[in-house]
Each structure stands twice: as C-alpha cells, then as structure tokens.
Amino acid sequence: MKNVYSLAVGGFFNLVNNCTGGARRISLCRILWVFIMSADSESIVYGCIKDAVGLSSDQERRRINRSAMLALPSAEQWPFLSQEMFAIPRIETSMTGYQTEVMHFGASYQAIEYEWEEWLKAFEELLAKMYWVDATVHLETELSGNHTFSWSCDGDFHIPGNKVSRIRCQWQHETGL
C-alpha cells in the first residue's frame, strides 16, 4: 500500500504542477488531494450521555444502561461503536455524584467522517435502548473541522424503546492557511 500511496502522491504533485489549464482540471486536482489526504486522516470522537440520579429507580436505570453498553460488540469486530470506547458505570454506585450520572466515551478512527451517517445511526440505536436526559458527541477531523452533536429528550428523560429526538449540530472549521 505504501508504494501505491507514494506513487499517488508523486503523481499528484506532477498533476498539480500541470493544473493551470482551467477550472475543471483544478477541481480534479482538489478531489485527488482530498482522496490522498484522507488515507492518513485521523478523526477523534468523544462525548457523554447524561442521566438523572436521585430517583427511586436508579439501580434499575443503571442496570439497563449498563446492559445496553455491554451489548455492543468488541472493538476487534470493527463496529462503529464498541464496548471498549465507553466508561461503563457500575450498578451499585453510591450517591457520590451530584445530580447527574455521566457515561463518557471516546475513540480514534481513520477518517470516520466518510461513514458518519452510519456512526450516528449506531449511536442513536444505542440511545434508544437507554435512559438519558441529554447526550453530546464531539467529532474532530483533520479535513472538515470540528462538529458537536447534541440530543435532548422531549420530557424529563428518555425511556428505552421511545423514539430518539432529533439532533442539533454545530460546526467549527479553522484553517491554518
């Protein structure tokens, strides 16, 4: 693969040097550049799912949320979401928190933004199986900037099996050029 990559990069620079012949040729150069750069592009995904605490059903809620995360495949199976990316809470947690149970997660991917719709679908499928108040996902990419996605429930909290509310997205992109 390295030889193909080296040839592609070398060929790209030859192509760029010849890209003075119109907008169509320049557009093709940009497409090729994005393709080559995405081969080594890292994406970082992290965030948290929050649930209320201090309710009479706390242990049952924790058990259901824990079961949903433990039902995820392992990272070796290359899923979009895996058990290993979550800090899975214990059921028998004492009331050391204030008012919110925070279940955090994070992972590094190779250019996950190209499969982002599938990642979001898998995350919303997980949320549909859990109790939660709100959830936030941060996506940091080298090519398309930083994105923040937020979910909030329609009532006091989401109940497993109910429809997941629509998300909001905020995008930030800074260039060094």
C-alpha atoms as a PDB file:
ATOM      1  CA  MET A   1       0.000   0.000   0.000  1.00  0.00           C
ATOM      2  CA  LYS A   2       2.872   2.375   0.760  1.00  0.00           C
ATOM      3  CA  ASN A   3       4.177   2.061  -2.808  1.00  0.00           C
ATOM      4  CA  VAL A   4       0.746   2.866  -4.229  1.00  0.00           C
ATOM      5  CA  TYR A   5       0.456   5.782  -1.807  1.00  0.00           C
ATOM      6  CA  SER A   6       3.926   7.094  -2.764  1.00  0.00           C
ATOM      7  CA  LEU A   7       3.108   6.785  -6.452  1.00  0.00           C
ATOM      8  CA  ALA A   8      -0.214   8.553  -5.928  1.00  0.00           C
ATOM      9  CA  VAL A   9       1.427  11.425  -4.041  1.00  0.00           C
ATOM     10  CA  GLY A  10       4.195  11.755  -6.630  1.00  0.00           C
ATOM     11  CA  GLY A  11       1.643  11.621  -9.434  1.00  0.00           C
ATOM     12  CA  PHE A  12      -0.496  14.166  -7.624  1.00  0.00           C
ATOM     13  CA  PHE A  13       2.315  16.697  -7.410  1.00  0.00           C
ATOM     14  CA  ASN A  14       3.029  16.224 -11.124  1.00  0.00           C
ATOM     15  CA  LEU A  15      -0.662  16.786 -11.791  1.00  0.00           C
ATOM     16  CA  VAL A  16      -0.754  19.909  -9.603  1.00  0.00           C
ATOM     17  CA  ASN A  17       2.200  21.374 -11.475  1.00  0.00           C
ATOM     18  CA  ASN A  18       0.188  20.963 -14.665  1.00  0.00           C
ATOM     19  CA  CYS A  19      -3.082  22.306 -13.209  1.00  0.00           C
ATOM     20  CA  THR A  20      -3.042  25.669 -14.878  1.00  0.00           C
ATOM     21  CA  GLY A  21      -5.410  24.678 -17.669  1.00  0.00           C
ATOM     22  CA  GLY A  22      -8.814  25.690 -16.378  1.00  0.00           C
ATOM     23  CA  ALA A  23     -11.279  25.198 -13.534  1.00  0.00           C
ATOM     24  CA  ARG A  24     -12.143  21.612 -14.476  1.00  0.00           C
ATOM     25  CA  ARG A  25      -8.543  20.459 -14.147  1.00  0.00           C
ATOM     26  CA  ILE A  26      -8.140  22.328 -10.833  1.00  0.00           C
ATOM     27  CA  SER A  27     -11.325  20.710  -9.458  1.00  0.00           C
ATOM     28  CA  LEU A  28      -9.946  17.281 -10.325  1.00  0.00           C
ATOM     29  CA  CYS A  29      -6.722  18.196  -8.536  1.00  0.00           C
ATOM     30  CA  ARG A  30      -8.665  19.149  -5.399  1.00  0.00           C
ATOM     31  CA  ILE A  31     -10.636  15.898  -5.466  1.00  0.00           C
ATOM     32  CA  LEU A  32      -7.427  13.878  -5.820  1.00  0.00           C
ATOM     33  CA  TRP A  33      -5.786  15.846  -2.989  1.00  0.00           C
ATOM     34  CA  VAL A  34      -8.710  15.187  -0.612  1.00  0.00           C
ATOM     35  CA  PHE A  35      -8.652  11.486  -1.528  1.00  0.00           C
ATOM     36  CA  ILE A  36      -4.905  11.185  -0.874  1.00  0.00           C
ATOM     37  CA  MET A  37      -5.006  13.173   2.360  1.00  0.00           C
ATOM     38  CA  SER A  38      -7.964  11.167   3.746  1.00  0.00           C
ATOM     39  CA  ALA A  39      -5.888   7.968   3.607  1.00  0.00           C
ATOM     40  CA  ASP A  40      -3.999   9.024   6.745  1.00  0.00           C
ATOM     41  CA  SER A  41      -6.646  11.322   8.231  1.00  0.00           C
ATOM     42  CA  GLU A  42      -7.437  10.735  11.898  1.00  0.00           C
ATOM     43  CA  SER A  43     -10.820  11.511  13.434  1.00  0.00           C
ATOM     44  CA  ILE A  44     -11.446  11.730  17.169  1.00  0.00           C
ATOM     45  CA  VAL A  45     -14.924  11.076  18.571  1.00  0.00           C
ATOM     46  CA  TYR A  46     -15.742  11.684  22.237  1.00  0.00           C
ATOM     47  CA  GLY A  47     -18.612  12.793  24.426  1.00  0.00           C
ATOM     48  CA  CYS A  48     -21.013  11.781  27.142  1.00  0.00           C
ATOM     49  CA  ILE A  49     -24.513  10.542  27.827  1.00  0.00           C
ATOM     50  CA  LYS A  50     -26.136  12.059  30.922  1.00  0.00           C
ATOM     51  CA  ASP A  51     -28.898  10.619  33.067  1.00  0.00           C
ATOM     52  CA  ALA A  52     -30.631  11.909  36.192  1.00  0.00           C
ATOM     53  CA  VAL A  53     -29.794  10.429  39.603  1.00  0.00           C
ATOM     54  CA  GLY A  54     -31.605  10.505  42.911  1.00  0.00           C
ATOM     55  CA  LEU A  55     -34.675   8.708  41.562  1.00  0.00           C
ATOM     56  CA  SER A  56     -36.174   5.655  43.232  1.00  0.00           C
ATOM     57  CA  SER A  57     -35.338   3.562  40.149  1.00  0.00           C
ATOM     58  CA  ASP A  58     -31.606   4.499  39.993  1.00  0.00           C
ATOM     59  CA  GLN A  59     -30.230   0.951  40.179  1.00  0.00           C
ATOM     60  CA  GLU A  60     -32.674  -0.330  37.547  1.00  0.00           C
ATOM     61  CA  ARG A  61     -31.812   2.588  35.239  1.00  0.00           C
ATOM     62  CA  ARG A  62     -28.083   1.917  35.682  1.00  0.00           C
ATOM     63  CA  ARG A  63     -28.621  -1.798  35.031  1.00  0.00           C
ATOM     64  CA  ILE A  64     -30.491  -1.110  31.769  1.00  0.00           C
ATOM     65  CA  ASN A  65     -27.921   1.477  30.593  1.00  0.00           C
ATOM     66  CA  ARG A  66     -25.039  -0.817  31.509  1.00  0.00           C
ATOM     67  CA  SER A  67     -26.666  -3.744  29.661  1.00  0.00           C
ATOM     68  CA  ALA A  68     -27.113  -1.594  26.533  1.00  0.00           C
ATOM     69  CA  MET A  69     -23.402  -0.660  26.502  1.00  0.00           C
ATOM     70  CA  LEU A  70     -22.269  -4.217  27.302  1.00  0.00           C
ATOM     71  CA  ALA A  71     -24.380  -5.493  24.385  1.00  0.00           C
ATOM     72  CA  LEU A  72     -22.156  -3.540  21.965  1.00  0.00           C
ATOM     73  CA  PRO A  73     -19.629  -5.619  20.002  1.00  0.00           C
ATOM     74  CA  SER A  74     -15.954  -5.628  20.895  1.00  0.00           C
ATOM     75  CA  ALA A  75     -13.523  -3.318  19.114  1.00  0.00           C
ATOM     76  CA  GLU A  76     -11.897  -6.279  17.321  1.00  0.00           C
ATOM     77  CA  GLN A  77     -15.068  -6.702  15.245  1.00  0.00           C
ATOM     78  CA  TRP A  78     -14.660  -3.150  13.829  1.00  0.00           C
ATOM     79  CA  PRO A  79     -18.025  -1.757  14.762  1.00  0.00           C
ATOM     80  CA  PHE A  80     -18.760   1.950  14.740  1.00  0.00           C
ATOM     81  CA  LEU A  81     -19.421   1.713  18.484  1.00  0.00           C
ATOM     82  CA  SER A  82     -17.722  -0.771  20.798  1.00  0.00           C
ATOM     83  CA  GLN A  83     -17.773  -1.649  24.492  1.00  0.00           C
ATOM     84  CA  GLU A  84     -14.184  -0.523  24.881  1.00  0.00           C
ATOM     85  CA  MET A  85     -14.908   3.088  23.964  1.00  0.00           C
ATOM     86  CA  PHE A  86     -17.319   3.541  26.914  1.00  0.00           C
ATOM     87  CA  ALA A  87     -16.621   4.037  30.601  1.00  0.00           C
ATOM     88  CA  ILE A  88     -19.415   1.690  31.652  1.00  0.00           C
ATOM     89  CA  PRO A  89     -20.794   2.582  35.096  1.00  0.00           C
ATOM     90  CA  ARG A  90     -21.270   0.063  37.885  1.00  0.00           C
ATOM     91  CA  ILE A  91     -24.792  -0.755  39.017  1.00  0.00           C
ATOM     92  CA  GLU A  92     -24.046  -0.452  42.732  1.00  0.00           C
ATOM     93  CA  THR A  93     -22.785   3.146  42.540  1.00  0.00           C
ATOM     94  CA  SER A  94     -23.104   5.131  45.736  1.00  0.00           C
ATOM     95  CA  MET A  95     -24.514   8.627  45.604  1.00  0.00           C
ATOM     96  CA  THR A  96     -21.144  10.346  45.196  1.00  0.00           C
ATOM     97  CA  GLY A  97     -22.361  12.363  42.209  1.00  0.00           C
ATOM     98  CA  TYR A  98     -24.401  15.493  42.472  1.00  0.00           C
ATOM     99  CA  GLN A  99     -27.478  15.265  40.226  1.00  0.00           C
ATOM    100  CA  THR A 100     -26.240  13.647  37.011  1.00  0.00           C
ATOM    101  CA  GLU A 101     -24.894  10.239  36.034  1.00  0.00           C
ATOM    102  CA  VAL A 102     -22.256  10.835  33.317  1.00  0.00           C
ATOM    103  CA  MET A 103     -21.372   7.981  30.953  1.00  0.00           C
ATOM    104  CA  HIS A 104     -18.417   9.127  28.856  1.00  0.00           C
ATOM    105  CA  PHE A 105     -16.867   7.628  25.747  1.00  0.00           C
ATOM    106  CA  GLY A 106     -14.151   8.232  23.183  1.00  0.00           C
ATOM    107  CA  ALA A 107     -12.356   6.647  20.243  1.00  0.00           C
ATOM    108  CA  SER A 108      -9.921   7.375  17.435  1.00  0.00           C
ATOM    109  CA  TYR A 109     -10.850   6.413  13.867  1.00  0.00           C
ATOM    110  CA  GLN A 110      -9.379   6.666  10.401  1.00  0.00           C
ATOM    111  CA  ALA A 111     -11.487   9.279   8.549  1.00  0.00           C
ATOM    112  CA  ILE A 112     -14.797   8.324  10.220  1.00  0.00           C
ATOM    113  CA  GLU A 113     -16.429  11.420   8.708  1.00  0.00           C
ATOM    114  CA  TYR A 114     -16.864   9.470   5.470  1.00  0.00           C
ATOM    115  CA  GLU A 115     -19.063   6.997   7.357  1.00  0.00           C
ATOM    116  CA  TRP A 116     -20.534   9.498   9.800  1.00  0.00           C
ATOM    117  CA  GLU A 117     -24.194   8.836   8.946  1.00  0.00           C
ATOM    118  CA  GLU A 118     -23.677   5.166   9.863  1.00  0.00           C
ATOM    119  CA  TRP A 119     -21.900   6.126  13.107  1.00  0.00           C
ATOM    120  CA  LEU A 120     -24.768   8.447  14.079  1.00  0.00           C
ATOM    121  CA  LYS A 121     -27.307   5.728  13.282  1.00  0.00           C
ATOM    122  CA  ALA A 122     -25.471   3.255  15.554  1.00  0.00           C
ATOM    123  CA  PHE A 123     -25.237   5.865  18.344  1.00  0.00           C
ATOM    124  CA  GLU A 124     -28.956   6.676  18.119  1.00  0.00           C
ATOM    125  CA  GLU A 125     -29.741   2.943  18.221  1.00  0.00           C
ATOM    126  CA  LEU A 126     -27.779   2.773  21.480  1.00  0.00           C
ATOM    127  CA  LEU A 127     -29.564   5.841  22.875  1.00  0.00           C
ATOM    128  CA  ALA A 128     -32.932   4.251  22.033  1.00  0.00           C
ATOM    129  CA  LYS A 129     -32.084   1.396  24.452  1.00  0.00           C
ATOM    130  CA  MET A 130     -31.072   3.658  27.356  1.00  0.00           C
ATOM    131  CA  TYR A 131     -32.360   6.064  29.977  1.00  0.00           C
ATOM    132  CA  TRP A 132     -30.861   9.530  29.436  1.00  0.00           C
ATOM    133  CA  VAL A 133     -31.506  13.264  29.774  1.00  0.00           C
ATOM    134  CA  ASP A 134     -29.123  14.508  27.091  1.00  0.00           C
ATOM    135  CA  ALA A 135     -26.143  13.380  25.075  1.00  0.00           C
ATOM    136  CA  THR A 136     -23.275  15.164  23.338  1.00  0.00           C
ATOM    137  CA  VAL A 137     -20.843  13.873  20.701  1.00  0.00           C
ATOM    138  CA  HIS A 138     -17.771  15.785  19.543  1.00  0.00           C
ATOM    139  CA  LEU A 139     -16.225  14.911  16.181  1.00  0.00           C
ATOM    140  CA  GLU A 140     -12.767  16.332  15.484  1.00  0.00           C
ATOM    141  CA  THR A 141     -11.496  15.851  11.938  1.00  0.00           C
ATOM    142  CA  GLU A 142      -8.372  16.990  10.141  1.00  0.00           C
ATOM    143  CA  LEU A 143     -10.185  17.665   6.879  1.00  0.00           C
ATOM    144  CA  SER A 144     -13.615  19.028   7.801  1.00  0.00           C
ATOM    145  CA  GLY A 145     -13.160  20.731  11.177  1.00  0.00           C
ATOM    146  CA  ASN A 146     -14.878  20.120  14.480  1.00  0.00           C
ATOM    147  CA  HIS A 147     -18.527  19.234  14.928  1.00  0.00           C
ATOM    148  CA  THR A 148     -20.669  18.987  18.062  1.00  0.00           C
ATOM    149  CA  PHE A 149     -23.881  16.963  18.021  1.00  0.00           C
ATOM    150  CA  SER A 150     -26.451  17.225  20.823  1.00  0.00           C
ATOM    151  CA  TRP A 151     -29.540  15.207  21.702  1.00  0.00           C
ATOM    152  CA  SER A 152     -32.089  16.161  24.331  1.00  0.00           C
ATOM    153  CA  CYS A 153     -35.258  14.331  25.269  1.00  0.00           C
ATOM    154  CA  ASP A 154     -38.756  15.735  24.902  1.00  0.00           C
ATOM    155  CA  GLY A 155     -39.784  15.001  28.505  1.00  0.00           C
ATOM    156  CA  ASP A 156     -37.833  14.820  31.766  1.00  0.00           C
ATOM    157  CA  PHE A 157     -35.814  11.856  30.463  1.00  0.00           C
ATOM    158  CA  HIS A 158     -35.729   9.327  27.619  1.00  0.00           C
ATOM    159  CA  ILE A 159     -37.270   5.932  28.302  1.00  0.00           C
ATOM    160  CA  PRO A 160     -35.802   2.892  26.500  1.00  0.00           C
ATOM    161  CA  GLY A 161     -37.883   1.970  23.464  1.00  0.00           C
ATOM    162  CA  ASN A 162     -39.102   5.528  22.818  1.00  0.00           C
ATOM    163  CA  LYS A 163     -38.110   7.423  19.692  1.00  0.00           C
ATOM    164  CA  VAL A 164     -34.854   9.381  19.949  1.00  0.00           C
ATOM    165  CA  SER A 165     -35.293  13.143  19.481  1.00  0.00           C
ATOM    166  CA  ARG A 166     -33.641  14.899  16.551  1.00  0.00           C
ATOM    167  CA  ILE A 167     -30.132  16.166  16.942  1.00  0.00           C
ATOM    168  CA  ARG A 168     -28.577  19.612  16.702  1.00  0.00           C
ATOM    169  CA  CYS A 169     -25.179  20.108  15.093  1.00  0.00           C
ATOM    170  CA  GLN A 170     -22.681  22.931  15.495  1.00  0.00           C
ATOM    171  CA  TRP A 171     -19.719  23.077  13.103  1.00  0.00           C
ATOM    172  CA  GLN A 172     -16.392  24.846  13.575  1.00  0.00           C
ATOM    173  CA  HIS A 173     -13.647  24.902  10.984  1.00  0.00           C
ATOM    174  CA  GLU A 174     -10.361  26.705  11.373  1.00  0.00           C
ATOM    175  CA  THR A 175      -7.731  26.776   8.694  1.00  0.00           C
ATOM    176  CA  GLY A 176      -4.069  27.407   9.205  1.00  0.00           C
ATOM    177  CA  LEU A 177      -3.617  28.925   5.766  1.00  0.00           C
END
